[in-house]
PDB file of N, CA and C in Angstrom:
ATOM      1  N   MET A   1       0.493  -1.127   0.096  1.00  0.00           N
ATOM      2  CA  MET A   1       0.021  -0.201  -0.054  1.00  0.00           C
ATOM      3  C   MET A   1       1.014   1.253   0.237  1.00  0.00           C
ATOM      4  N   ASN A   2       0.625   2.169  -1.072  1.00  0.00           N
ATOM      5  CA  ASN A   2       1.477   3.351  -0.998  1.00  0.00           C
ATOM      6  C   ASN A   2       0.482   4.435  -0.771  1.00  0.00           C
ATOM      7  N   VAL A   3       1.442   5.417   0.321  1.00  0.00           N
ATOM      8  CA  VAL A   3       0.549   6.626   0.616  1.00  0.00           C
ATOM      9  C   VAL A   3       1.178   8.336   0.788  1.00  0.00           C
ATOM     10  N   VAL A   4       0.500   8.814  -0.527  1.00  0.00           N
ATOM     11  CA  VAL A   4       1.001   9.945  -0.696  1.00  0.00           C
ATOM     12  C   VAL A   4       0.941  10.695   0.725  1.00  0.00           C
ATOM     13  N   THR A   5       1.943  11.429   0.980  1.00  0.00           N
ATOM     14  CA  THR A   5       1.947  12.016   2.241  1.00  0.00           C
ATOM     15  C   THR A   5       2.312  13.645   2.163  1.00  0.00           C
ATOM     16  N   GLU A   6       2.317  14.195   0.881  1.00  0.00           N
ATOM     17  CA  GLU A   6       2.367  15.546   0.491  1.00  0.00           C
ATOM     18  C   GLU A   6       1.985  16.038  -0.577  1.00  0.00           C
ATOM     19  N   ARG A   7       1.371  17.388  -0.468  1.00  0.00           N
ATOM     20  CA  ARG A   7       0.674  18.085  -1.344  1.00  0.00           C
ATOM     21  C   ARG A   7       0.752  17.334  -2.982  1.00  0.00           C
ATOM     22  N   GLU A   8      -0.531  17.791  -3.695  1.00  0.00           N
ATOM     23  CA  GLU A   8      -0.539  17.032  -5.010  1.00  0.00           C
ATOM     24  C   GLU A   8       0.557  17.600  -5.320  1.00  0.00           C
ATOM     25  N   GLY A   9       1.307  16.791  -6.691  1.00  0.00           N
ATOM     26  CA  GLY A   9       2.235  17.032  -7.448  1.00  0.00           C
ATOM     27  C   GLY A   9       3.669  17.194  -6.734  1.00  0.00           C
ATOM     28  N   HIS A  10       3.545  17.141  -5.313  1.00  0.00           N
ATOM     29  CA  HIS A  10       4.907  16.798  -4.731  1.00  0.00           C
ATOM     30  C   HIS A  10       5.284  15.320  -4.552  1.00  0.00           C
ATOM     31  N   ALA A  11       6.321  14.643  -5.167  1.00  0.00           N
ATOM     32  CA  ALA A  11       6.528  13.158  -4.832  1.00  0.00           C
ATOM     33  C   ALA A  11       7.270  12.883  -3.844  1.00  0.00           C
ATOM     34  N   SER A  12       5.987  12.324  -2.822  1.00  0.00           N
ATOM     35  CA  SER A  12       6.827  11.856  -1.584  1.00  0.00           C
ATOM     36  C   SER A  12       5.161  11.056  -0.846  1.00  0.00           C
ATOM     37  N   ALA A  13       5.977   9.892  -0.910  1.00  0.00           N
ATOM     38  CA  ALA A  13       4.975   8.640  -0.538  1.00  0.00           C
ATOM     39  C   ALA A  13       5.503   7.501   0.816  1.00  0.00           C
ATOM     40  N   VAL A  14       5.203   7.159   1.308  1.00  0.00           N
ATOM     41  CA  VAL A  14       5.226   5.724   2.014  1.00  0.00           C
ATOM     42  C   VAL A  14       4.626   4.729   1.693  1.00  0.00           C
ATOM     43  N   LEU A  15       5.638   3.443   1.875  1.00  0.00           N
ATOM     44  CA  LEU A  15       5.247   2.481   1.313  1.00  0.00           C
ATOM     45  C   LEU A  15       5.204   1.605   2.452  1.00  0.00           C
ATOM     46  N   LEU A  16       3.594   1.019   2.808  1.00  0.00           N
ATOM     47  CA  LEU A  16       3.437   0.392   4.038  1.00  0.00           C
ATOM     48  C   LEU A  16       3.416  -0.935   3.561  1.00  0.00           C
ATOM     49  N   TRP A  17       4.259  -1.892   4.275  1.00  0.00           N
ATOM     50  CA  TRP A  17       4.556  -3.556   3.845  1.00  0.00           C
ATOM     51  C   TRP A  17       3.923  -4.306   4.832  1.00  0.00           C
ATOM     52  N   ALA A  18       3.711  -3.631   6.182  1.00  0.00           N
ATOM     53  CA  ALA A  18       3.102  -4.656   7.015  1.00  0.00           C
ATOM     54  C   ALA A  18       2.268  -3.687   8.231  1.00  0.00           C
ATOM     55  N   ILE A  19       0.985  -4.369   8.723  1.00  0.00           N
ATOM     56  CA  ILE A  19       0.708  -3.751   9.638  1.00  0.00           C
ATOM     57  C   ILE A  19       0.470  -4.324  10.985  1.00  0.00           C
ATOM     58  N   GLU A  20       0.263  -3.847  12.010  1.00  0.00           N
ATOM     59  CA  GLU A  20      -0.233  -4.945  13.062  1.00  0.00           C
ATOM     60  C   GLU A  20      -2.095  -4.606  13.238  1.00  0.00           C
ATOM     61  N   PRO A  21      -2.505  -5.404  12.918  1.00  0.00           N
ATOM     62  CA  PRO A  21      -4.027  -5.540  12.824  1.00  0.00           C
ATOM     63  C   PRO A  21      -4.498  -5.171  14.390  1.00  0.00           C
ATOM     64  N   VAL A  22      -5.544  -4.274  14.381  1.00  0.00           N
ATOM     65  CA  VAL A  22      -6.168  -3.915  15.470  1.00  0.00           C
ATOM     66  C   VAL A  22      -7.426  -4.497  15.628  1.00  0.00           C
ATOM     67  N   LYS A  23      -8.177  -4.005  14.731  1.00  0.00           N
ATOM     68  CA  LYS A  23      -9.396  -3.939  14.415  1.00  0.00           C
ATOM     69  C   LYS A  23      -9.994  -3.939  13.010  1.00  0.00           C
ATOM     70  N   ASN A  24     -11.010  -5.023  13.013  1.00  0.00           N
ATOM     71  CA  ASN A  24     -11.521  -5.342  11.506  1.00  0.00           C
ATOM     72  C   ASN A  24     -10.720  -5.793  10.578  1.00  0.00           C
ATOM     73  N   VAL A  25      -9.602  -6.430  10.528  1.00  0.00           N
ATOM     74  CA  VAL A  25      -8.822  -6.882   9.775  1.00  0.00           C
ATOM     75  C   VAL A  25      -8.551  -8.624   9.904  1.00  0.00           C
ATOM     76  N   ASN A  26      -8.922  -9.390   8.952  1.00  0.00           N
ATOM     77  CA  ASN A  26      -8.747 -10.588   9.005  1.00  0.00           C
ATOM     78  C   ASN A  26      -7.354 -11.291   8.360  1.00  0.00           C
ATOM     79  N   GLY A  27      -6.751 -12.075   8.472  1.00  0.00           N
ATOM     80  CA  GLY A  27      -5.654 -12.468   7.664  1.00  0.00           C
ATOM     81  C   GLY A  27      -4.249 -11.818   8.232  1.00  0.00           C
ATOM     82  N   ARG A  28      -3.597 -12.784   7.822  1.00  0.00           N
ATOM     83  CA  ARG A  28      -2.118 -12.055   7.988  1.00  0.00           C
ATOM     84  C   ARG A  28      -1.796 -10.663   7.024  1.00  0.00           C
ATOM     85  N   THR A  29      -0.908 -10.111   7.560  1.00  0.00           N
ATOM     86  CA  THR A  29      -0.811  -8.625   7.153  1.00  0.00           C
ATOM     87  C   THR A  29       0.707  -8.307   6.865  1.00  0.00           C
ATOM     88  N   GLN A  30       1.678  -9.269   6.904  1.00  0.00           N
ATOM     89  CA  GLN A  30       3.324  -9.330   6.923  1.00  0.00           C
ATOM     90  C   GLN A  30       3.464  -9.240   5.238  1.00  0.00           C
ATOM     91  N   GLY A  31       3.756  -8.360   4.738  1.00  0.00           N
ATOM     92  CA  GLY A  31       4.203  -7.994   3.248  1.00  0.00           C
ATOM     93  C   GLY A  31       2.942  -7.014   2.649  1.00  0.00           C
ATOM     94  N   PRO A  32       3.488  -6.673   1.563  1.00  0.00           N
ATOM     95  CA  PRO A  32       2.418  -5.580   0.703  1.00  0.00           C
ATOM     96  C   PRO A  32       1.126  -6.505   0.329  1.00  0.00           C
ATOM     97  N   GLY A  33       1.265  -7.879  -0.305  1.00  0.00           N
ATOM     98  CA  GLY A  33       0.196  -8.513  -1.141  1.00  0.00           C
ATOM     99  C   GLY A  33      -0.649  -8.920  -0.197  1.00  0.00           C
ATOM    100  N   LEU A  34      -0.143  -9.525   1.441  1.00  0.00           N
ATOM    101  CA  LEU A  34      -0.741 -10.122   2.201  1.00  0.00           C
ATOM    102  C   LEU A  34      -1.546  -8.668   3.190  1.00  0.00           C
ATOM    103  N   LEU A  35      -1.228  -8.016   3.293  1.00  0.00           N
ATOM    104  CA  LEU A  35      -1.754  -6.332   3.924  1.00  0.00           C
ATOM    105  C   LEU A  35      -2.831  -6.113   3.035  1.00  0.00           C
ATOM    106  N   CYS A  36      -2.796  -5.680   1.792  1.00  0.00           N
ATOM    107  CA  CYS A  36      -4.063  -5.448   0.830  1.00  0.00           C
ATOM    108  C   CYS A  36      -4.828  -6.618   0.574  1.00  0.00           C
ATOM    109  N   LYS A  37      -4.860  -8.089   0.498  1.00  0.00           N
ATOM    110  CA  LYS A  37      -5.659  -8.936   0.557  1.00  0.00           C
ATOM    111  C   LYS A  37      -6.254  -8.838   2.168  1.00  0.00           C
ATOM    112  N   SER A  38      -5.787  -8.924   3.046  1.00  0.00           N
ATOM    113  CA  SER A  38      -6.381  -9.076   4.069  1.00  0.00           C
ATOM    114  C   SER A  38      -7.637  -7.464   4.160  1.00  0.00           C
ATOM    115  N   MET A  39      -7.193  -6.468   4.210  1.00  0.00           N
ATOM    116  CA  MET A  39      -7.871  -5.135   4.347  1.00  0.00           C
ATOM    117  C   MET A  39      -8.905  -4.938   2.984  1.00  0.00           C
ATOM    118  N   GLU A  40      -8.731  -5.483   2.038  1.00  0.00           N
ATOM    119  CA  GLU A  40      -9.316  -5.441   0.951  1.00  0.00           C
ATOM    120  C   GLU A  40      -9.044  -4.283   0.463  1.00  0.00           C
ATOM    121  N   ILE A  41      -7.973  -3.977  -0.193  1.00  0.00           N
ATOM    122  CA  ILE A  41      -7.063  -2.750  -0.892  1.00  0.00           C
ATOM    123  C   ILE A  41      -7.166  -3.410  -2.272  1.00  0.00           C
ATOM    124  N   ASP A  42      -7.369  -2.734  -3.064  1.00  0.00           N
ATOM    125  CA  ASP A  42      -7.480  -2.984  -4.247  1.00  0.00           C
ATOM    126  C   ASP A  42      -7.367  -1.553  -5.442  1.00  0.00           C
ATOM    127  N   ARG A  43      -7.491  -1.384  -6.594  1.00  0.00           N
ATOM    128  CA  ARG A  43      -7.296  -0.595  -7.031  1.00  0.00           C
ATOM    129  C   ARG A  43      -8.560   0.620  -7.079  1.00  0.00           C
ATOM    130  N   ARG A  44      -9.802   0.100  -6.486  1.00  0.00           N
ATOM    131  CA  ARG A  44     -10.672   0.693  -6.042  1.00  0.00           C
ATOM    132  C   ARG A  44     -10.317   2.015  -5.331  1.00  0.00           C
ATOM    133  N   LEU A  45      -9.234   1.805  -4.619  1.00  0.00           N
ATOM    134  CA  LEU A  45      -9.033   3.128  -3.874  1.00  0.00           C
ATOM    135  C   LEU A  45      -7.627   3.642  -3.884  1.00  0.00           C
ATOM    136  N   ASN A  46      -7.715   3.683  -5.212  1.00  0.00           N
ATOM    137  CA  ASN A  46      -6.410   4.744  -5.985  1.00  0.00           C
ATOM    138  C   ASN A  46      -7.003   5.998  -5.649  1.00  0.00           C
ATOM    139  N   ALA A  47      -6.445   6.936  -5.148  1.00  0.00           N
ATOM    140  CA  ALA A  47      -6.564   8.395  -4.834  1.00  0.00           C
ATOM    141  C   ALA A  47      -7.655   8.232  -3.972  1.00  0.00           C
ATOM    142  N   HIS A  48      -7.817   7.444  -2.932  1.00  0.00           N
ATOM    143  CA  HIS A  48      -8.387   7.718  -1.926  1.00  0.00           C
ATOM    144  C   HIS A  48      -8.263   8.709  -0.850  1.00  0.00           C
ATOM    145  N   ASN A  49      -8.908   9.397  -0.242  1.00  0.00           N
ATOM    146  CA  ASN A  49      -8.549  10.377   0.682  1.00  0.00           C
ATOM    147  C   ASN A  49      -8.572   9.438   2.060  1.00  0.00           C
ATOM    148  N   LEU A  50      -7.407   9.801   2.622  1.00  0.00           N
ATOM    149  CA  LEU A  50      -6.836   8.989   3.899  1.00  0.00           C
ATOM    150  C   LEU A  50      -7.514   9.561   4.840  1.00  0.00           C
ATOM    151  N   LEU A  51      -8.240  10.891   4.662  1.00  0.00           N
ATOM    152  CA  LEU A  51      -9.013  11.617   5.780  1.00  0.00           C
ATOM    153  C   LEU A  51     -10.620  11.344   5.896  1.00  0.00           C
ATOM    154  N   SER A  52     -11.096  10.498   5.147  1.00  0.00           N
ATOM    155  CA  SER A  52     -12.286  10.230   4.955  1.00  0.00           C
ATOM    156  C   SER A  52     -12.641   9.501   6.171  1.00  0.00           C
ATOM    157  N   ASP A  53     -14.106   9.001   6.148  1.00  0.00           N
ATOM    158  CA  ASP A  53     -14.471   8.162   7.409  1.00  0.00           C
ATOM    159  C   ASP A  53     -14.724   6.854   6.980  1.00  0.00           C
ATOM    160  N   ASP A  54     -14.460   6.477   5.626  1.00  0.00           N
ATOM    161  CA  ASP A  54     -14.930   5.102   5.506  1.00  0.00           C
ATOM    162  C   ASP A  54     -13.582   4.276   4.992  1.00  0.00           C
ATOM    163  N   PHE A  55     -12.415   4.928   5.119  1.00  0.00           N
ATOM    164  CA  PHE A  55     -11.126   4.125   4.979  1.00  0.00           C
ATOM    165  C   PHE A  55      -9.961   5.008   5.333  1.00  0.00           C
ATOM    166  N   TYR A  56      -9.343   4.995   6.062  1.00  0.00           N
ATOM    167  CA  TYR A  56      -8.158   6.119   6.671  1.00  0.00           C
ATOM    168  C   TYR A  56      -7.265   5.248   7.690  1.00  0.00           C
ATOM    169  N   ILE A  57      -6.442   6.384   7.900  1.00  0.00           N
ATOM    170  CA  ILE A  57      -5.424   5.852   8.509  1.00  0.00           C
ATOM    171  C   ILE A  57      -5.656   6.370   9.950  1.00  0.00           C
ATOM    172  N   ALA A  58      -5.525   5.674  11.163  1.00  0.00           N
ATOM    173  CA  ALA A  58      -5.621   6.302  12.445  1.00  0.00           C
ATOM    174  C   ALA A  58      -4.507   6.422  13.309  1.00  0.00           C
ATOM    175  N   ASP A  59      -4.730   7.101  14.481  1.00  0.00           N
ATOM    176  CA  ASP A  59      -3.346   7.365  15.421  1.00  0.00           C
ATOM    177  C   ASP A  59      -3.458   5.887  16.346  1.00  0.00           C
ATOM    178  N   ARG A  60      -2.558   5.784  17.127  1.00  0.00           N
ATOM    179  CA  ARG A  60      -2.479   4.883  17.885  1.00  0.00           C
ATOM    180  C   ARG A  60      -3.611   5.067  19.187  1.00  0.00           C
ATOM    181  N   LEU A  61      -3.958   3.820  19.487  1.00  0.00           N
ATOM    182  CA  LEU A  61      -4.925   3.977  20.896  1.00  0.00           C
ATOM    183  C   LEU A  61      -4.261   4.143  21.952  1.00  0.00           C
ATOM    184  N   ASN A  62      -2.914   3.788  22.262  1.00  0.00           N
ATOM    185  CA  ASN A  62      -2.486   4.328  23.534  1.00  0.00           C
ATOM    186  C   ASN A  62      -1.315   5.017  23.516  1.00  0.00           C
ATOM    187  N   ASN A  63      -0.676   5.386  24.327  1.00  0.00           N
ATOM    188  CA  ASN A  63       0.656   6.158  24.505  1.00  0.00           C
ATOM    189  C   ASN A  63       1.358   5.618  24.889  1.00  0.00           C
ATOM    190  N   GLU A  64       1.585   4.291  24.717  1.00  0.00           N
ATOM    191  CA  GLU A  64       3.019   3.763  25.144  1.00  0.00           C
ATOM    192  C   GLU A  64       4.101   3.922  24.151  1.00  0.00           C
ATOM    193  N   GLN A  65       5.055   4.216  24.682  1.00  0.00           N
ATOM    194  CA  GLN A  65       6.654   4.642  24.407  1.00  0.00           C
ATOM    195  C   GLN A  65       6.850   3.364  23.013  1.00  0.00           C
ATOM    196  N   LEU A  66       7.060   3.765  22.225  1.00  0.00           N
ATOM    197  CA  LEU A  66       7.849   2.848  20.792  1.00  0.00           C
ATOM    198  C   LEU A  66       9.156   3.288  20.568  1.00  0.00           C
ATOM    199  N   VAL A  67       9.872   2.260  20.183  1.00  0.00           N
ATOM    200  CA  VAL A  67      11.007   2.419  19.756  1.00  0.00           C
ATOM    201  C   VAL A  67      11.351   1.922  18.080  1.00  0.00           C
ATOM    202  N   ILE A  68      11.402   3.020  17.557  1.00  0.00           N
ATOM    203  CA  ILE A  68      11.892   3.297  16.235  1.00  0.00           C
ATOM    204  C   ILE A  68      13.128   2.696  15.375  1.00  0.00           C
ATOM    205  N   VAL A  69      12.588   1.332  14.758  1.00  0.00           N
ATOM    206  CA  VAL A  69      14.409   0.685  14.307  1.00  0.00           C
ATOM    207  C   VAL A  69      14.292   1.276  12.661  1.00  0.00           C
ATOM    208  N   ASN A  70      15.598   1.837  12.583  1.00  0.00           N
ATOM    209  CA  ASN A  70      15.696   2.371  10.796  1.00  0.00           C
ATOM    210  C   ASN A  70      16.899   1.615  10.194  1.00  0.00           C
ATOM    211  N   ARG A  71      16.561   0.501   9.250  1.00  0.00           N
ATOM    212  CA  ARG A  71      17.547  -0.100   8.520  1.00  0.00           C
ATOM    213  C   ARG A  71      17.496  -0.282   7.016  1.00  0.00           C
ATOM    214  N   PRO A  72      18.367  -1.086   6.260  1.00  0.00           N
ATOM    215  CA  PRO A  72      18.558  -1.058   5.275  1.00  0.00           C
ATOM    216  C   PRO A  72      17.309  -1.488   4.454  1.00  0.00           C
ATOM    217  N   ARG A  73      17.243  -1.669   3.391  1.00  0.00           N
ATOM    218  CA  ARG A  73      15.964  -2.026   2.822  1.00  0.00           C
ATOM    219  C   ARG A  73      16.216  -3.386   2.378  1.00  0.00           C
ATOM    220  N   VAL A  74      14.945  -4.245   2.359  1.00  0.00           N
ATOM    221  CA  VAL A  74      15.166  -5.556   1.831  1.00  0.00           C
ATOM    222  C   VAL A  74      14.939  -6.026   0.596  1.00  0.00           C
ATOM    223  N   GLY A  75      15.149  -6.943  -0.045  1.00  0.00           N
ATOM    224  CA  GLY A  75      15.097  -7.227  -1.300  1.00  0.00           C
ATOM    225  C   GLY A  75      15.047  -6.394  -2.811  1.00  0.00           C
ATOM    226  N   VAL A  76      16.034  -5.556  -2.435  1.00  0.00           N
ATOM    227  CA  VAL A  76      15.976  -4.288  -3.630  1.00  0.00           C
ATOM    228  C   VAL A  76      17.472  -4.139  -4.340  1.00  0.00           C
ATOM    229  N   ALA A  77      17.980  -5.276  -4.253  1.00  0.00           N
ATOM    230  CA  ALA A  77      19.403  -4.994  -5.027  1.00  0.00           C
ATOM    231  C   ALA A  77      19.817  -4.498  -6.244  1.00  0.00           C
ATOM    232  N   TYR A  78      18.481  -4.275  -6.798  1.00  0.00           N
ATOM    233  CA  TYR A  78      18.657  -3.632  -8.725  1.00  0.00           C
ATOM    234  C   TYR A  78      18.843  -2.013  -7.694  1.00  0.00           C
ATOM    235  N   ALA A  79      18.507  -1.835  -6.660  1.00  0.00           N
ATOM    236  CA  ALA A  79      18.217  -0.285  -6.171  1.00  0.00           C
ATOM    237  C   ALA A  79      19.759   0.130  -6.146  1.00  0.00           C
ATOM    238  N   LYS A  80      20.933  -0.745  -6.271  1.00  0.00           N
ATOM    239  CA  LYS A  80      22.234  -0.123  -5.982  1.00  0.00           C
ATOM    240  C   LYS A  80      22.645   0.476  -4.956  1.00  0.00           C
ATOM    241  N   HIS A  81      23.053   1.738  -4.856  1.00  0.00           N
ATOM    242  CA  HIS A  81      23.344   2.349  -3.248  1.00  0.00           C
ATOM    243  C   HIS A  81      22.388   2.774  -2.784  1.00  0.00           C
ATOM    244  N   TRP A  82      20.959   2.698  -3.150  1.00  0.00           N
ATOM    245  CA  TRP A  82      19.543   2.913  -2.143  1.00  0.00           C
ATOM    246  C   TRP A  82      19.660   1.819  -1.648  1.00  0.00           C
ATOM    247  N   GLN A  83      19.896   0.442  -1.659  1.00  0.00           N
ATOM    248  CA  GLN A  83      19.802  -0.709  -1.211  1.00  0.00           C
ATOM    249  C   GLN A  83      20.069  -0.415   0.446  1.00  0.00           C
ATOM    250  N   ARG A  84      21.275   0.226   0.743  1.00  0.00           N
ATOM    251  CA  ARG A  84      21.850   0.155   1.744  1.00  0.00           C
ATOM    252  C   ARG A  84      21.428   1.317   2.803  1.00  0.00           C
ATOM    253  N   ARG A  85      20.789   2.127   2.025  1.00  0.00           N
ATOM    254  CA  ARG A  85      20.301   3.289   2.728  1.00  0.00           C
ATOM    255  C   ARG A  85      19.505   2.894   3.759  1.00  0.00           C
ATOM    256  N   LEU A  86      19.295   3.658   5.075  1.00  0.00           N
ATOM    257  CA  LEU A  86      18.511   3.302   6.298  1.00  0.00           C
ATOM    258  C   LEU A  86      16.959   4.113   6.063  1.00  0.00           C
ATOM    259  N   LEU A  87      16.212   3.178   5.213  1.00  0.00           N
ATOM    260  CA  LEU A  87      14.424   3.701   4.486  1.00  0.00           C
ATOM    261  C   LEU A  87      13.828   2.982   4.796  1.00  0.00           C
ATOM    262  N   ARG A  88      13.964   1.829   5.726  1.00  0.00           N
ATOM    263  CA  ARG A  88      12.974   0.798   6.332  1.00  0.00           C
ATOM    264  C   ARG A  88      12.890   1.366   7.905  1.00  0.00           C
ATOM    265  N   PHE A  89      11.487   1.727   8.373  1.00  0.00           N
ATOM    266  CA  PHE A  89      11.352   1.754   9.483  1.00  0.00           C
ATOM    267  C   PHE A  89      10.397   1.095   9.985  1.00  0.00           C
ATOM    268  N   TYR A  90      10.561   0.415  11.412  1.00  0.00           N
ATOM    269  CA  TYR A  90       9.623  -0.408  11.916  1.00  0.00           C
ATOM    270  C   TYR A  90       9.565  -0.132  13.513  1.00  0.00           C
ATOM    271  N   ILE A  91       8.604  -1.024  14.001  1.00  0.00           N
ATOM    272  CA  ILE A  91       8.582  -0.660  15.443  1.00  0.00           C
ATOM    273  C   ILE A  91       9.712  -2.069  16.412  1.00  0.00           C
ATOM    274  N   LYS A  92      10.297  -1.750  16.887  1.00  0.00           N
ATOM    275  CA  LYS A  92      11.564  -2.402  17.512  1.00  0.00           C
ATOM    276  C   LYS A  92      10.546  -4.043  18.409  1.00  0.00           C
ATOM    277  N   GLY A  93      11.124  -5.025  17.753  1.00  0.00           N
ATOM    278  CA  GLY A  93      10.322  -6.200  18.434  1.00  0.00           C
ATOM    279  C   GLY A  93       8.840  -6.383  17.876  1.00  0.00           C
ATOM    280  N   ASN A  94       8.376  -5.877  17.052  1.00  0.00           N
ATOM    281  CA  ASN A  94       7.113  -6.082  16.765  1.00  0.00           C
ATOM    282  C   ASN A  94       7.060  -7.565  15.970  1.00  0.00           C
ATOM    283  N   PRO A  95       6.267  -8.316  16.317  1.00  0.00           N
ATOM    284  CA  PRO A  95       5.821  -9.590  15.417  1.00  0.00           C
ATOM    285  C   PRO A  95       5.454  -9.651  14.350  1.00  0.00           C
ATOM    286  N   PHE A  96       4.908  -8.149  13.603  1.00  0.00           N
ATOM    287  CA  PHE A  96       4.198  -8.234  12.524  1.00  0.00           C
ATOM    288  C   PHE A  96       5.020  -7.796  11.319  1.00  0.00           C
ATOM    289  N   VAL A  97       6.600  -7.885  11.747  1.00  0.00           N
ATOM    290  CA  VAL A  97       7.553  -7.011  10.875  1.00  0.00           C
ATOM    291  C   VAL A  97       7.980  -8.780   9.804  1.00  0.00           C
ATOM    292  N   SER A  98       7.780  -8.460   8.712  1.00  0.00           N
ATOM    293  CA  SER A  98       8.114  -9.628   7.923  1.00  0.00           C
ATOM    294  C   SER A  98       9.695 -10.041   8.526  1.00  0.00           C
ATOM    295  N   LYS A  99      10.571  -9.295   8.036  1.00  0.00           N
ATOM    296  CA  LYS A  99      12.219  -9.529   8.521  1.00  0.00           C
ATOM    297  C   LYS A  99      12.506  -8.672   9.007  1.00  0.00           C
ATOM    298  N   LYS A 100      13.514  -8.692   9.774  1.00  0.00           N
ATOM    299  CA  LYS A 100      14.361  -8.064  10.786  1.00  0.00           C
ATOM    300  C   LYS A 100      15.529  -7.745   9.784  1.00  0.00           C
TER     301      LYS A 100
END
């Protein structure tokens, strides 16, 4: 799932590879294919506004302190020097991360 995070016309996005299901999500969510299948995300949601009431990204339910880890990207040997950049972020110890 690719989420654009900036104003229209500005190339800036986040690729979500996994989520920790909290509510209303059935199935595995480790990896973009499983994530989209379990959340019924398909091309019908292209250009969908994630500030809407029917499909949105919500804030955390609690104020638990999180440790965010950043590591090199996985499985992108074609990206040459970008493969080694620390552009992969996840919550330390989270069991829903596909690879460490």
